Amino acid sequence: MTGAVDFFGLYLPWLMPLAALALLALSAVRRLLAAIGAYRWIWHPALFDLAVYVLLLWGLSVASLRLLHGPG
């Protein structure tokens, strides 16, 4: 395993598609939080969004490792 994804002949690091998926998930989470009014209680929304993005990216990377290599 080289850690790269072939995307129409262009080799991308595996983290790049995961980062794009995390960005899409962040968009959904932001809409949900805005709909329920959670941003009224968050001191620094941009910093909070960054933290949520990092957590989503970490979660996706752990999930992809477990899918590719199995548990353990």
C-alpha atoms as a PDB file:
ATOM      1  CA  MET A   1       0.000   0.000   0.000  1.00  0.00           C
ATOM      2  CA  THR A   2       1.447   3.328  -1.046  1.00  0.00           C
ATOM      3  CA  GLY A   3      -0.938   5.620   0.779  1.00  0.00           C
ATOM      4  CA  ALA A   4      -2.147   7.208  -2.457  1.00  0.00           C
ATOM      5  CA  VAL A   5      -5.465   7.197  -4.289  1.00  0.00           C
ATOM      6  CA  ASP A   6      -5.665   7.099  -8.074  1.00  0.00           C
ATOM      7  CA  PHE A   7      -8.190   9.751  -9.124  1.00  0.00           C
ATOM      8  CA  PHE A   8      -8.491   9.670 -12.930  1.00  0.00           C
ATOM      9  CA  GLY A   9      -4.736   9.201 -13.307  1.00  0.00           C
ATOM     10  CA  LEU A  10      -3.827  11.737 -10.642  1.00  0.00           C
ATOM     11  CA  TYR A  11      -2.328  10.270  -7.479  1.00  0.00           C
ATOM     12  CA  LEU A  12      -3.534  12.020  -4.347  1.00  0.00           C
ATOM     13  CA  PRO A  13      -2.442  11.394  -0.766  1.00  0.00           C
ATOM     14  CA  TRP A  14      -5.054   9.385   1.108  1.00  0.00           C
ATOM     15  CA  LEU A  15      -5.644  12.264   3.506  1.00  0.00           C
ATOM     16  CA  MET A  16      -6.914  14.555   0.734  1.00  0.00           C
ATOM     17  CA  PRO A  17     -10.175  12.682  -0.017  1.00  0.00           C
ATOM     18  CA  LEU A  18     -10.697  12.269   3.721  1.00  0.00           C
ATOM     19  CA  ALA A  19     -10.225  16.022   4.177  1.00  0.00           C
ATOM     20  CA  ALA A  20     -12.841  16.679   1.490  1.00  0.00           C
ATOM     21  CA  LEU A  21     -15.279  14.294   3.189  1.00  0.00           C
ATOM     22  CA  ALA A  22     -14.628  15.960   6.537  1.00  0.00           C
ATOM     23  CA  LEU A  23     -15.361  19.342   4.960  1.00  0.00           C
ATOM     24  CA  LEU A  24     -18.689  18.067   3.635  1.00  0.00           C
ATOM     25  CA  ALA A  25     -19.524  16.592   7.040  1.00  0.00           C
ATOM     26  CA  LEU A  26     -18.571  19.882   8.704  1.00  0.00           C
ATOM     27  CA  SER A  27     -20.993  21.711   6.447  1.00  0.00           C
ATOM     28  CA  ALA A  28     -23.806  19.408   7.554  1.00  0.00           C
ATOM     29  CA  VAL A  29     -22.845  19.771  11.230  1.00  0.00           C
ATOM     30  CA  ARG A  30     -22.713  23.571  10.937  1.00  0.00           C
ATOM     31  CA  ARG A  31     -26.181  23.665   9.384  1.00  0.00           C
ATOM     32  CA  LEU A  32     -27.529  21.437  12.136  1.00  0.00           C
ATOM     33  CA  LEU A  33     -25.936  23.544  14.885  1.00  0.00           C
ATOM     34  CA  ALA A  34     -27.203  26.763  13.300  1.00  0.00           C
ATOM     35  CA  ALA A  35     -30.714  25.326  12.996  1.00  0.00           C
ATOM     36  CA  ILE A  36     -30.907  24.444  16.681  1.00  0.00           C
ATOM     37  CA  GLY A  37     -29.334  27.748  17.754  1.00  0.00           C
ATOM     38  CA  ALA A  38     -26.162  26.338  19.286  1.00  0.00           C
ATOM     39  CA  TYR A  39     -23.969  29.131  17.933  1.00  0.00           C
ATOM     40  CA  ARG A  40     -25.559  31.568  20.385  1.00  0.00           C
ATOM     41  CA  TRP A  41     -23.757  29.710  23.191  1.00  0.00           C
ATOM     42  CA  ILE A  42     -20.382  29.238  21.470  1.00  0.00           C
ATOM     43  CA  TRP A  43     -17.803  31.877  22.330  1.00  0.00           C
ATOM     44  CA  HIS A  44     -15.687  31.664  19.150  1.00  0.00           C
ATOM     45  CA  PRO A  45     -17.575  29.995  16.276  1.00  0.00           C
ATOM     46  CA  ALA A  46     -14.607  29.878  13.896  1.00  0.00           C
ATOM     47  CA  LEU A  47     -12.394  28.181  16.463  1.00  0.00           C
ATOM     48  CA  PHE A  48     -15.196  25.771  17.319  1.00  0.00           C
ATOM     49  CA  ASP A  49     -15.677  24.930  13.626  1.00  0.00           C
ATOM     50  CA  LEU A  50     -11.957  24.260  13.263  1.00  0.00           C
ATOM     51  CA  ALA A  51     -12.020  21.929  16.262  1.00  0.00           C
ATOM     52  CA  VAL A  52     -15.046  20.059  14.873  1.00  0.00           C
ATOM     53  CA  TYR A  53     -13.304  19.747  11.486  1.00  0.00           C
ATOM     54  CA  VAL A  54     -10.170  18.288  13.084  1.00  0.00           C
ATOM     55  CA  LEU A  55     -12.263  15.818  15.077  1.00  0.00           C
ATOM     56  CA  LEU A  56     -14.201  14.778  11.972  1.00  0.00           C
ATOM     57  CA  LEU A  57     -10.981  14.326   9.997  1.00  0.00           C
ATOM     58  CA  TRP A  58      -9.476  12.257  12.813  1.00  0.00           C
ATOM     59  CA  GLY A  59     -12.592  10.114  13.020  1.00  0.00           C
ATOM     60  CA  LEU A  60     -12.641   9.504   9.274  1.00  0.00           C
ATOM     61  CA  SER A  61      -8.965   8.580   9.232  1.00  0.00           C
ATOM     62  CA  VAL A  62      -9.396   6.099  12.097  1.00  0.00           C
ATOM     63  CA  ALA A  63     -12.474   4.612  10.420  1.00  0.00           C
ATOM     64  CA  SER A  64     -10.665   4.246   7.086  1.00  0.00           C
ATOM     65  CA  LEU A  65      -7.697   2.557   8.758  1.00  0.00           C
ATOM     66  CA  ARG A  66      -9.982   0.073  10.474  1.00  0.00           C
ATOM     67  CA  LEU A  67     -11.831  -0.632   7.235  1.00  0.00           C
ATOM     68  CA  LEU A  68      -8.642  -1.195   5.271  1.00  0.00           C
ATOM     69  CA  HIS A  69      -6.589  -3.093   7.849  1.00  0.00           C
ATOM     70  CA  GLY A  70      -9.213  -4.613  10.105  1.00  0.00           C
ATOM     71  CA  PRO A  71      -9.521  -4.187  13.860  1.00  0.00           C
ATOM     72  CA  GLY A  72      -6.431  -4.221  15.971  1.00  0.00           C
END
